[in-house]
Amino acid sequence: MKAPLPSVDPLRLLVFILMLLPLLALLGFGAFWLWQSGNLQYWLIALVVCGGLGYGLQAWLVRRERQLLKDSATEPNPEWPPSAEKVWREVEALAQTCSPEDWPIEEGEWVLALGQKTMETVAHCYYPNVEKPLLELTIPHTLLIIERASRDLRQDVAEKIPFSNRLTIGDLFRLQRWKEKADRLFNIYRAGSLLINPVNALLSEAWRHLRARSFDQARDELHRWFLRAYVCKVGYYAIDLYSGRLPLVEEESVTAPTPVSQADFGQVEQTAKASVEPLRILVLGRTNSGKSSLINALFGAVTTPADVLPDTTQVLTPFVLSREGLTQALIFDSPGCDSALFDRQRMLAAAENADLILWVTPANRPDRQNERDCLDTLRAAQASRTDRRAPPLLVAASFIDRLRPVNEWRPPYNLTDSLNSKAVNINAAVRAIAADLAVPVEQVIPVCLLTGKVYNVDDTLWAAILNHQDEALRVRLMRCLDARKRAEDWVLLRRQMAGAGRFLRDLPEILGKRSGSNIE
């Protein structure tokens, strides 16, 4: 039996020392010459200065790369519903706990394990009472989440990490093995240097320690960023799935007209149909508050009969509203909330499909309890839908011309003018309406809707509508995604049934071929 070879061959070690000895002697004699000539202190000063500058530059590069990675961090989607905010905080907390020691990149199992842990965190937030919430995901959606997270992470790695498109995984493993061998040889050199030139060796050790610490910090920072980015990407798309923003079928635009809006367009005499889903603006309020007059004022023309008698508006009536700066919209007139024709369930259903709500209330009527009850019912229904954003609400305070002094009407009015009694009363009415209806005072806009005396509609009210347009578009997007998800379920069901039908049709032929091959 042959004797095992020693881990370090003494002859090879002797060869290495003989080859390295002239270089070590040169370093030693050089230091000795500097000491003899009286220049050793200048060399030491130059060594310290250059080392300090190099270390400072390396630290600056680390901070720059850290900021670059921070800028590429995944942010929560502002279009998510309110329920997603808490879930995103859980994902960020999980990402912060990821340590390079716990998830070594060189071991391939971390991808599925960490991705599964992230998806379980999100699933548990949406299914807190389920023992295994991850099983509530469908297989196609699970694959889609991993696919999109990997795609985004691939782009970040390719753009942020130098040479990532050149180095293979095998190269990284080979570099790791070479580094270990080089470290062993370098340790031998350090021991020899300490014997020949102790002063130079001690300074070199100090510089090596600082440099290694800097590079190790950069490496760990990059590793930690990679883990956090992966967790945030997977969590991002998992939240997208549970909030209804992750469709499986990508055949049409997300904001294509929904069936509800297509049916509403069918009630309107209009030759040109919308290519995208319109904003849906719902006008609500009490009887004879000026709802129809407000719609006329927004159009600048008589479009709907003004409320001069109770219950003149019997059903939700759509009108196409097109104005500069506003996405094409459908605006709906409605029965008064205090009329016999008012249906609360129909109002809630209309509000569920609305992107912006305009509430009209007369400024000269202090009895607003019925309006408050209706608004509270509406707000409670919206609060129960944590998967959807509530549409923005604006209140138009009508009949401000009837406030005291009744016979005075000389607009415009500055509501901060304490010397003008009309302006003071309008301001008091606005604040009273805000308190009675529990809405922010800045969302109450005083208007006059009398024919020929329309005031504060084209400027203040219209500016408020445009200011809330982005928020309304986010509500529209979630509404379109819900409609698309329902349509997608039917599309996939038809495809699955058709595929199953073709399989059953071809099953006898398949079985016949198999039996024939077995006989042969």
Protein backbone atom coordinates (compact mmCIF):
# COMPACT_ATOMS: atom_id res chain seq x y z
CA MET A 1 0.00 0.00 0.00
CA LYS A 2 1.41 3.32 -1.03
CA ALA A 3 1.98 5.99 1.57
CA PRO A 4 -0.31 9.01 1.14
CA LEU A 5 1.30 12.12 -0.27
CA PRO A 6 1.82 14.93 2.25
CA SER A 7 -0.55 17.89 1.90
CA VAL A 8 2.46 20.21 1.30
CA ASP A 9 5.44 18.82 -0.65
CA PRO A 10 8.66 20.08 1.11
CA LEU A 11 10.59 20.09 -2.17
CA ARG A 12 7.97 22.24 -3.88
CA LEU A 13 7.98 24.56 -0.88
CA LEU A 14 11.80 24.80 -1.13
CA VAL A 15 11.53 25.64 -4.84
CA PHE A 16 9.01 28.39 -4.07
CA ILE A 17 11.23 29.87 -1.32
CA LEU A 18 14.32 29.85 -3.58
CA MET A 19 12.41 31.65 -6.33
CA LEU A 20 10.97 34.18 -3.88
CA LEU A 21 14.20 34.77 -1.92
CA PRO A 22 15.80 37.28 -4.37
CA LEU A 23 12.66 39.41 -4.31
CA LEU A 24 12.54 39.35 -0.52
CA ALA A 25 16.24 40.21 -0.35
CA LEU A 26 15.69 43.14 -2.68
CA LEU A 27 12.94 44.48 -0.43
CA GLY A 28 15.14 44.03 2.63
CA PHE A 29 18.25 45.65 1.14
CA GLY A 30 16.09 48.49 -0.22
CA ALA A 31 14.69 49.24 3.20
CA PHE A 32 18.22 49.02 4.67
CA TRP A 33 19.51 51.49 2.04
CA LEU A 34 16.67 53.92 2.79
CA TRP A 35 17.56 53.70 6.49
CA GLN A 36 21.28 54.29 5.79
CA SER A 37 20.62 57.28 3.52
CA GLY A 38 18.22 58.84 6.03
CA ASN A 39 15.21 58.60 3.64
CA LEU A 40 13.32 55.84 5.43
CA GLN A 41 11.04 58.28 7.24
CA TYR A 42 10.07 59.95 3.94
CA TRP A 43 9.25 56.57 2.45
CA LEU A 44 7.15 55.73 5.48
CA ILE A 45 5.31 59.07 5.20
CA ALA A 46 4.69 58.44 1.49
CA LEU A 47 3.44 54.93 2.30
CA VAL A 48 1.01 56.23 4.93
CA VAL A 49 -0.25 59.08 2.68
CA CYS A 50 -0.74 56.86 -0.38
CA GLY A 51 -2.36 54.18 1.75
CA GLY A 52 -4.71 56.70 3.34
CA LEU A 53 -5.66 58.15 -0.04
CA GLY A 54 -6.22 54.69 -1.48
CA TYR A 55 -8.33 53.62 1.47
CA GLY A 56 -10.37 56.84 1.29
CA LEU A 57 -10.94 56.37 -2.44
CA GLN A 58 -11.99 52.78 -1.89
CA ALA A 59 -14.44 53.83 0.84
CA TRP A 60 -15.88 56.47 -1.49
CA LEU A 61 -16.30 53.87 -4.23
CA VAL A 62 -18.14 51.61 -1.76
CA ARG A 63 -20.50 54.44 -0.79
CA ARG A 64 -21.09 55.27 -4.45
CA GLU A 65 -21.92 51.66 -5.30
CA ARG A 66 -24.14 51.45 -2.21
CA GLN A 67 -26.07 54.53 -3.35
CA LEU A 68 -26.33 53.08 -6.86
CA LEU A 69 -27.79 49.88 -5.49
CA LYS A 70 -30.10 51.85 -3.20
CA ASP A 71 -31.44 53.84 -6.15
CA SER A 72 -32.33 50.60 -7.93
CA ALA A 73 -34.33 49.25 -4.97
CA THR A 74 -37.87 48.07 -5.60
CA GLU A 75 -40.49 50.55 -4.43
CA PRO A 76 -44.15 49.82 -3.59
CA ASN A 77 -46.63 50.50 -6.35
CA PRO A 78 -48.74 53.62 -5.66
CA GLU A 79 -51.60 51.97 -7.55
CA TRP A 80 -51.91 49.15 -5.01
CA PRO A 81 -55.05 49.09 -2.83
CA PRO A 82 -54.77 50.07 0.85
CA SER A 83 -54.57 46.42 1.96
CA ALA A 84 -51.20 46.06 0.20
CA GLU A 85 -49.42 48.66 2.36
CA LYS A 86 -49.20 46.39 5.42
CA VAL A 87 -48.14 43.43 3.27
CA TRP A 88 -45.32 45.45 1.69
CA ARG A 89 -44.02 46.37 5.14
CA GLU A 90 -43.85 42.64 5.95
CA VAL A 91 -41.90 42.01 2.73
CA GLU A 92 -39.45 44.82 3.53
CA ALA A 93 -38.99 43.46 7.07
CA LEU A 94 -38.17 40.03 5.63
CA ALA A 95 -35.71 41.59 3.17
CA GLN A 96 -33.92 43.41 6.00
CA THR A 97 -33.36 40.15 7.88
CA CYS A 98 -31.66 38.41 4.93
CA SER A 99 -28.03 37.81 5.82
CA PRO A 100 -25.27 36.62 3.44
CA GLU A 101 -24.30 33.96 5.99
CA ASP A 102 -27.81 32.46 5.93
CA TRP A 103 -28.25 32.54 2.15
CA PRO A 104 -24.92 31.77 0.40
CA ILE A 105 -25.23 32.48 -3.31
CA GLU A 106 -22.86 29.67 -4.30
CA GLU A 107 -25.49 27.18 -3.12
CA GLY A 108 -28.28 27.06 -5.69
CA GLU A 109 -31.01 26.01 -3.24
CA TRP A 110 -31.38 29.56 -1.89
CA VAL A 111 -33.35 30.74 -4.94
CA LEU A 112 -36.36 28.48 -4.40
CA ALA A 113 -36.10 28.51 -0.59
CA LEU A 114 -35.98 32.29 -0.24
CA GLY A 115 -38.62 32.78 -2.94
CA GLN A 116 -40.92 30.33 -1.16
CA LYS A 117 -40.37 32.08 2.18
CA THR A 118 -41.23 35.44 0.60
CA MET A 119 -44.40 34.12 -1.04
CA GLU A 120 -45.45 32.47 2.23
CA THR A 121 -45.04 35.83 3.98
CA VAL A 122 -47.34 37.52 1.46
CA ALA A 123 -49.82 34.65 1.37
CA HIS A 124 -50.09 34.60 5.18
CA CYS A 125 -51.09 38.29 5.17
CA TYR A 126 -53.97 37.57 2.80
CA TYR A 127 -54.95 34.20 4.31
CA PRO A 128 -54.14 34.57 8.03
CA ASN A 129 -56.47 31.75 9.08
CA VAL A 130 -55.21 29.17 6.60
CA GLU A 131 -52.66 26.64 7.86
CA LYS A 132 -50.70 26.57 4.58
CA PRO A 133 -51.50 29.85 2.82
CA LEU A 134 -48.96 29.22 0.07
CA LEU A 135 -51.17 26.44 -1.27
CA GLU A 136 -53.83 29.06 -2.08
CA LEU A 137 -51.72 30.11 -5.09
CA THR A 138 -52.39 28.56 -8.48
CA ILE A 139 -49.49 26.90 -10.29
CA PRO A 140 -49.60 29.28 -13.32
CA HIS A 141 -49.55 32.34 -11.04
CA THR A 142 -46.67 30.92 -8.98
CA LEU A 143 -44.60 30.36 -12.13
CA LEU A 144 -45.53 33.83 -13.39
CA ILE A 145 -44.33 35.48 -10.16
CA ILE A 146 -40.95 33.72 -10.29
CA GLU A 147 -40.63 34.47 -14.00
CA ARG A 148 -41.23 38.21 -13.62
CA ALA A 149 -39.12 38.56 -10.48
CA SER A 150 -36.22 36.77 -12.21
CA ARG A 151 -36.61 38.97 -15.29
CA ASP A 152 -36.44 42.20 -13.27
CA LEU A 153 -33.54 40.95 -11.16
CA ARG A 154 -31.66 39.92 -14.30
CA GLN A 155 -31.95 43.47 -15.63
CA ASP A 156 -30.72 44.95 -12.36
CA VAL A 157 -27.75 42.60 -12.15
CA ALA A 158 -26.78 43.20 -15.78
CA GLU A 159 -26.89 46.98 -15.30
CA LYS A 160 -25.45 47.36 -11.79
CA ILE A 161 -22.79 44.64 -11.35
CA PRO A 162 -19.59 44.97 -13.43
CA PHE A 163 -18.67 42.00 -15.70
CA SER A 164 -21.84 40.13 -14.71
CA ASN A 165 -22.48 39.47 -18.40
CA ARG A 166 -18.98 37.96 -18.81
CA LEU A 167 -18.36 35.85 -15.74
CA THR A 168 -20.05 32.47 -15.63
CA ILE A 169 -21.04 30.64 -12.45
CA GLY A 170 -18.19 28.21 -13.13
CA ASP A 171 -15.78 31.14 -13.28
CA LEU A 172 -16.94 32.25 -9.83
CA PHE A 173 -16.31 28.78 -8.37
CA ARG A 174 -12.87 28.58 -10.00
CA LEU A 175 -11.99 32.05 -8.73
CA GLN A 176 -12.98 30.96 -5.24
CA ARG A 177 -10.66 27.89 -5.41
CA TRP A 178 -7.78 29.96 -6.83
CA LYS A 179 -8.30 32.54 -4.10
CA GLU A 180 -7.95 29.89 -1.40
CA LYS A 181 -4.68 28.61 -2.90
CA ALA A 182 -3.34 32.13 -3.34
CA ASP A 183 -4.18 32.91 0.28
CA ARG A 184 -2.12 29.94 1.49
CA LEU A 185 0.90 30.99 -0.58
CA PHE A 186 0.52 34.61 0.49
CA ASN A 187 0.53 33.58 4.15
CA ILE A 188 3.93 31.96 3.61
CA TYR A 189 5.20 35.19 2.04
CA ARG A 190 3.88 37.22 4.99
CA ALA A 191 5.74 34.99 7.46
CA GLY A 192 9.01 35.36 5.53
CA SER A 193 8.59 39.11 5.20
CA LEU A 194 8.09 39.44 8.94
CA LEU A 195 11.46 37.74 9.58
CA ILE A 196 13.42 39.77 7.01
CA ASN A 197 11.90 43.25 7.43
CA PRO A 198 9.66 43.52 10.53
CA VAL A 199 8.85 47.27 10.11
CA ASN A 200 7.76 46.95 6.48
CA ALA A 201 5.85 43.76 7.25
CA LEU A 202 3.88 45.41 10.08
CA LEU A 203 2.93 48.37 7.87
CA SER A 204 1.94 46.01 5.06
CA GLU A 205 -0.21 43.98 7.46
CA ALA A 206 -2.01 47.12 8.63
CA TRP A 207 -2.68 48.20 5.04
CA ARG A 208 -3.80 44.68 4.04
CA HIS A 209 -6.22 44.59 6.97
CA LEU A 210 -7.79 47.92 5.99
CA ARG A 211 -7.99 46.93 2.33
CA ALA A 212 -9.45 43.50 3.06
CA ARG A 213 -11.99 45.04 5.39
CA SER A 214 -13.04 47.50 2.69
CA PHE A 215 -13.33 44.84 -0.01
CA ASP A 216 -15.14 42.41 2.30
CA GLN A 217 -17.58 45.17 3.18
CA ALA A 218 -18.25 45.86 -0.50
CA ARG A 219 -18.71 42.15 -1.23
CA ASP A 220 -21.11 41.66 1.69
CA GLU A 221 -23.00 44.80 0.71
CA LEU A 222 -23.46 43.50 -2.84
CA HIS A 223 -24.52 40.08 -1.55
CA ARG A 224 -26.99 41.63 0.89
CA TRP A 225 -28.41 43.90 -1.84
CA PHE A 226 -28.88 40.92 -4.14
CA LEU A 227 -30.87 39.02 -1.49
CA ARG A 228 -33.01 42.03 -0.59
CA ALA A 229 -33.67 42.82 -4.25
CA TYR A 230 -34.77 39.23 -4.86
CA VAL A 231 -37.13 39.23 -1.86
CA CYS A 232 -38.65 42.59 -2.86
CA LYS A 233 -39.13 41.51 -6.47
CA VAL A 234 -40.88 38.28 -5.51
CA GLY A 235 -42.96 40.08 -2.86
CA TYR A 236 -43.86 42.82 -5.35
CA TYR A 237 -45.38 40.42 -7.85
CA ALA A 238 -46.99 38.31 -5.13
CA ILE A 239 -48.82 41.43 -3.91
CA ASP A 240 -49.69 42.22 -7.52
CA LEU A 241 -51.32 38.81 -7.75
CA TYR A 242 -53.36 39.05 -4.55
CA SER A 243 -54.43 42.64 -5.31
CA GLY A 244 -55.72 41.61 -8.75
CA ARG A 245 -52.96 43.29 -10.78
CA LEU A 246 -51.32 40.18 -12.25
CA PRO A 247 -53.35 38.74 -15.16
CA LEU A 248 -52.26 35.52 -16.84
CA VAL A 249 -53.49 36.54 -20.28
CA GLU A 250 -51.78 39.54 -21.88
CA GLU A 251 -53.70 39.84 -25.11
CA GLU A 252 -55.30 43.26 -24.73
CA SER A 253 -54.74 46.57 -23.03
CA VAL A 254 -55.48 46.68 -19.31
CA THR A 255 -57.59 49.83 -19.77
CA ALA A 256 -59.72 48.45 -22.61
CA PRO A 257 -63.43 49.42 -22.22
CA THR A 258 -65.19 47.26 -19.66
CA PRO A 259 -68.54 45.60 -20.43
CA VAL A 260 -70.27 48.02 -18.05
CA SER A 261 -68.97 51.09 -19.88
CA GLN A 262 -69.70 49.53 -23.26
CA ALA A 263 -73.30 49.09 -22.18
CA ASP A 264 -73.42 52.70 -20.94
CA PHE A 265 -72.02 53.94 -24.25
CA GLY A 266 -74.86 52.05 -25.92
CA GLN A 267 -77.34 54.33 -24.13
CA VAL A 268 -75.63 57.44 -25.49
CA GLU A 269 -76.22 58.63 -29.03
CA GLN A 270 -72.59 58.71 -30.06
CA THR A 271 -71.00 57.49 -33.27
CA ALA A 272 -67.41 57.32 -31.96
CA LYS A 273 -66.84 54.71 -29.27
CA ALA A 274 -64.05 54.91 -26.72
CA SER A 275 -60.88 52.92 -27.40
CA VAL A 276 -60.00 52.92 -23.69
CA GLU A 277 -62.04 52.74 -20.54
CA PRO A 278 -63.48 56.19 -19.73
CA LEU A 279 -63.40 57.80 -16.33
CA ARG A 280 -66.74 57.28 -14.64
CA ILE A 281 -67.93 60.36 -12.71
CA LEU A 282 -70.97 59.86 -10.51
CA VAL A 283 -73.04 62.89 -9.45
CA LEU A 284 -74.97 62.37 -6.21
CA GLY A 285 -76.92 64.60 -3.83
CA ARG A 286 -80.36 65.46 -2.57
CA THR A 287 -83.35 66.33 -4.73
CA ASN A 288 -83.26 69.81 -6.31
CA SER A 289 -79.73 70.40 -5.13
CA GLY A 290 -78.53 71.21 -8.64
CA LYS A 291 -77.09 67.88 -9.85
CA SER A 292 -78.41 68.26 -13.40
CA SER A 293 -77.51 71.95 -13.44
CA LEU A 294 -73.95 71.05 -12.42
CA ILE A 295 -73.68 68.61 -15.35
CA ASN A 296 -74.97 71.33 -17.69
CA ALA A 297 -72.41 73.76 -16.29
CA LEU A 298 -69.58 71.26 -16.83
CA PHE A 299 -70.68 70.82 -20.45
CA GLY A 300 -71.24 74.52 -20.94
CA ALA A 301 -74.59 73.69 -22.55
CA VAL A 302 -77.99 72.26 -21.60
CA THR A 303 -77.55 68.48 -21.71
CA THR A 304 -79.91 67.21 -19.04
CA PRO A 305 -83.16 68.74 -17.74
CA ALA A 306 -82.49 70.73 -14.60
CA ASP A 307 -84.20 69.65 -11.40
CA VAL A 308 -87.22 71.95 -11.16
CA LEU A 309 -89.57 69.27 -9.85
CA PRO A 310 -88.90 66.43 -7.45
CA ASP A 311 -87.80 63.08 -8.93
CA THR A 312 -87.25 64.30 -12.50
CA THR A 313 -84.17 61.99 -12.68
CA GLN A 314 -85.49 58.47 -12.26
CA VAL A 315 -82.47 56.32 -13.20
CA LEU A 316 -78.72 56.71 -13.60
CA THR A 317 -78.32 58.58 -16.86
CA PRO A 318 -74.89 58.61 -18.60
CA PHE A 319 -73.46 61.50 -20.63
CA VAL A 320 -70.14 61.58 -22.46
CA LEU A 321 -67.95 64.38 -21.10
CA SER A 322 -64.98 65.54 -23.21
CA ARG A 323 -62.99 68.55 -22.11
CA GLU A 324 -59.41 69.67 -22.56
CA GLY A 325 -57.10 68.17 -19.96
CA LEU A 326 -59.55 65.44 -18.91
CA THR A 327 -59.50 61.83 -20.05
CA GLN A 328 -62.74 61.00 -21.86
CA ALA A 329 -65.35 60.45 -19.19
CA LEU A 330 -68.86 59.24 -18.62
CA ILE A 331 -70.74 61.42 -16.14
CA PHE A 332 -73.90 60.03 -14.51
CA ASP A 333 -76.90 61.96 -13.25
CA SER A 334 -78.82 60.24 -10.43
CA PRO A 335 -82.05 60.49 -8.42
CA GLY A 336 -81.95 62.54 -5.22
CA CYS A 337 -80.88 60.63 -2.12
CA ASP A 338 -84.07 61.81 -0.38
CA SER A 339 -86.50 60.92 -3.18
CA ALA A 340 -88.80 57.91 -3.41
CA LEU A 341 -86.95 56.70 -6.52
CA PHE A 342 -83.61 56.51 -4.76
CA ASP A 343 -82.30 52.95 -4.40
CA ARG A 344 -79.43 52.69 -1.92
CA GLN A 345 -78.17 49.38 -3.28
CA ARG A 346 -78.14 50.76 -6.82
CA MET A 347 -76.24 53.79 -5.55
CA LEU A 348 -73.63 51.53 -3.91
CA ALA A 349 -73.28 49.49 -7.10
CA ALA A 350 -72.86 52.68 -9.16
CA ALA A 351 -70.28 54.02 -6.70
CA GLU A 352 -68.36 50.73 -6.92
CA ASN A 353 -67.96 51.37 -10.66
CA ALA A 354 -67.18 55.09 -10.22
CA ASP A 355 -63.75 56.69 -10.38
CA LEU A 356 -64.78 60.13 -9.08
CA ILE A 357 -67.83 61.21 -7.08
CA LEU A 358 -69.32 64.70 -7.15
CA TRP A 359 -71.70 65.34 -4.27
CA VAL A 360 -73.99 68.34 -4.69
CA THR A 361 -75.52 69.96 -1.60
CA PRO A 362 -77.38 73.28 -1.30
CA ALA A 363 -75.45 75.76 0.82
CA ASN A 364 -78.70 77.41 2.04
CA ARG A 365 -80.13 74.17 3.51
CA PRO A 366 -78.83 73.32 7.01
CA ASP A 367 -80.70 69.97 7.25
CA ARG A 368 -78.06 67.57 5.97
CA GLN A 369 -78.59 64.52 8.17
CA ASN A 370 -80.05 62.47 5.33
CA GLU A 371 -77.04 63.33 3.15
CA ARG A 372 -74.64 62.43 5.97
CA ASP A 373 -76.33 59.04 6.45
CA CYS A 374 -76.09 58.32 2.74
CA LEU A 375 -72.42 59.33 2.63
CA ASP A 376 -71.62 57.27 5.74
CA THR A 377 -73.20 54.21 4.10
CA LEU A 378 -71.15 54.86 0.99
CA ARG A 379 -67.90 55.31 2.94
CA ALA A 380 -68.53 52.15 5.00
CA ALA A 381 -69.01 50.11 1.83
CA GLN A 382 -65.82 51.53 0.35
CA ALA A 383 -63.84 50.87 3.54
CA SER A 384 -64.90 47.22 3.47
CA ARG A 385 -63.26 46.80 0.05
CA THR A 386 -59.60 46.81 1.08
CA ASP A 387 -58.69 45.44 -2.35
CA ARG A 388 -59.87 48.64 -4.03
CA ARG A 389 -59.13 52.34 -3.63
CA ALA A 390 -62.04 54.60 -2.75
CA PRO A 391 -62.81 57.12 -5.53
CA PRO A 392 -62.01 60.75 -4.65
CA LEU A 393 -64.99 62.77 -3.41
CA LEU A 394 -65.62 66.43 -4.19
CA VAL A 395 -68.55 68.40 -2.75
CA ALA A 396 -70.14 71.20 -4.77
CA ALA A 397 -71.94 73.66 -2.46
CA SER A 398 -74.70 75.07 -4.69
CA PHE A 399 -77.09 78.03 -4.24
CA ILE A 400 -74.44 80.24 -2.66
CA ASP A 401 -76.24 83.18 -4.34
CA ARG A 402 -79.13 82.64 -1.88
CA LEU A 403 -76.96 83.21 1.18
CA ARG A 404 -77.31 86.52 3.02
CA PRO A 405 -77.43 89.22 1.90
CA VAL A 406 -79.84 87.56 -0.56
CA ASN A 407 -80.15 90.53 -2.93
CA GLU A 408 -76.39 90.91 -3.32
CA TRP A 409 -74.59 88.99 -6.09
CA ARG A 410 -71.37 90.56 -7.31
CA PRO A 411 -68.83 87.77 -7.91
CA PRO A 412 -66.00 86.94 -7.69
CA TYR A 413 -65.76 86.58 -3.94
CA ASN A 414 -62.62 86.27 -1.85
CA LEU A 415 -63.54 83.95 1.01
CA THR A 416 -60.76 85.38 3.19
CA ASP A 417 -62.24 88.88 2.96
CA SER A 418 -63.69 89.53 6.41
CA LEU A 419 -65.18 92.88 5.33
CA ASN A 420 -67.49 91.38 2.70
CA SER A 421 -70.53 89.89 4.43
CA LYS A 422 -71.42 87.70 1.42
CA ALA A 423 -67.93 86.21 1.34
CA VAL A 424 -68.01 85.67 5.11
CA ASN A 425 -71.34 83.78 4.85
CA ILE A 426 -70.12 81.67 1.91
CA ASN A 427 -67.00 80.76 3.89
CA ALA A 428 -69.11 79.86 6.94
CA ALA A 429 -71.42 77.70 4.79
CA VAL A 430 -68.44 75.86 3.27
CA ARG A 431 -67.06 75.06 6.73
CA ALA A 432 -70.46 73.99 8.01
CA ILE A 433 -70.93 71.64 5.04
CA ALA A 434 -67.46 70.15 5.59
CA ALA A 435 -68.30 69.48 9.26
CA ASP A 436 -71.81 68.14 8.57
CA LEU A 437 -70.71 65.75 5.80
CA ALA A 438 -67.35 64.84 7.39
CA VAL A 439 -65.21 65.84 4.42
CA PRO A 440 -62.07 68.01 4.31
CA VAL A 441 -62.92 71.67 3.89
CA GLU A 442 -60.61 71.97 0.85
CA GLN A 443 -62.81 69.43 -0.96
CA VAL A 444 -65.91 71.63 -0.64
CA ILE A 445 -66.21 74.06 -3.58
CA PRO A 446 -68.87 76.79 -3.48
CA VAL A 447 -70.62 77.23 -6.84
CA CYS A 448 -73.56 79.04 -8.41
CA LEU A 449 -75.45 77.05 -11.06
CA LEU A 450 -78.09 79.54 -12.18
CA THR A 451 -78.42 79.84 -15.95
CA GLY A 452 -76.45 82.87 -17.06
CA LYS A 453 -74.90 83.27 -13.59
CA VAL A 454 -72.71 80.16 -13.41
CA TYR A 455 -69.83 80.87 -11.04
CA ASN A 456 -66.76 78.96 -9.82
CA VAL A 457 -67.39 75.89 -11.99
CA ASP A 458 -64.96 76.41 -14.89
CA ASP A 459 -62.17 77.58 -12.59
CA THR A 460 -62.16 76.24 -9.02
CA LEU A 461 -64.34 73.12 -9.43
CA TRP A 462 -62.78 72.15 -12.74
CA ALA A 463 -59.28 72.67 -11.31
CA ALA A 464 -60.19 70.39 -8.38
CA ILE A 465 -61.41 67.69 -10.79
CA LEU A 466 -58.16 67.87 -12.76
CA ASN A 467 -56.12 67.79 -9.53
CA HIS A 468 -57.83 64.52 -8.58
CA GLN A 469 -57.60 63.03 -12.07
CA ASP A 470 -54.45 60.98 -11.33
CA GLU A 471 -56.08 59.49 -8.24
CA ALA A 472 -59.21 58.75 -10.27
CA LEU A 473 -57.09 57.05 -12.96
CA ARG A 474 -55.60 54.77 -10.30
CA VAL A 475 -59.12 53.85 -9.20
CA ARG A 476 -60.01 53.20 -12.85
CA LEU A 477 -56.99 50.92 -13.26
CA MET A 478 -58.01 48.73 -10.31
CA ARG A 479 -61.57 48.62 -11.64
CA CYS A 480 -60.32 47.59 -15.10
CA LEU A 481 -58.09 44.91 -13.58
CA ASP A 482 -61.04 43.47 -11.67
CA ALA A 483 -63.11 43.39 -14.86
CA ARG A 484 -60.23 41.87 -16.80
CA LYS A 485 -59.71 39.21 -14.14
CA ARG A 486 -63.37 38.19 -14.38
CA ALA A 487 -63.17 38.10 -18.18
CA GLU A 488 -59.87 36.19 -18.02
CA ASP A 489 -61.43 33.48 -15.86
CA TRP A 490 -64.07 32.89 -18.51
CA VAL A 491 -61.53 32.96 -21.35
CA LEU A 492 -59.29 30.42 -19.63
CA LEU A 493 -62.28 28.26 -18.72
CA ARG A 494 -63.38 28.15 -22.37
CA ARG A 495 -59.85 27.27 -23.48
CA GLN A 496 -59.53 24.58 -20.82
CA MET A 497 -62.89 23.05 -21.71
CA ALA A 498 -62.01 23.14 -25.42
CA GLY A 499 -58.65 21.49 -24.70
CA ALA A 500 -60.30 18.83 -22.54
CA GLY A 501 -62.88 18.21 -25.27
CA ARG A 502 -60.18 17.71 -27.90
CA PHE A 503 -58.32 15.35 -25.56
CA LEU A 504 -61.46 13.25 -24.95
CA ARG A 505 -62.19 13.24 -28.69
CA ASP A 506 -58.72 11.93 -29.51
CA LEU A 507 -58.52 9.57 -26.52
CA PRO A 508 -59.84 6.43 -28.35
CA GLU A 509 -57.33 6.96 -31.15
CA ILE A 510 -54.47 7.43 -28.66
CA LEU A 511 -55.44 4.28 -26.74
CA GLY A 512 -55.76 2.37 -30.02
CA LYS A 513 -52.23 3.32 -31.08
CA ARG A 514 -50.83 2.30 -27.69
CA SER A 515 -52.57 -1.09 -27.74
CA GLY A 516 -51.37 -1.69 -31.30
CA SER A 517 -47.77 -0.96 -30.36
CA ASN A 518 -48.03 -3.32 -27.36
CA ILE A 519 -49.29 -6.16 -29.58
CA GLU A 520 -46.37 -5.72 -31.98
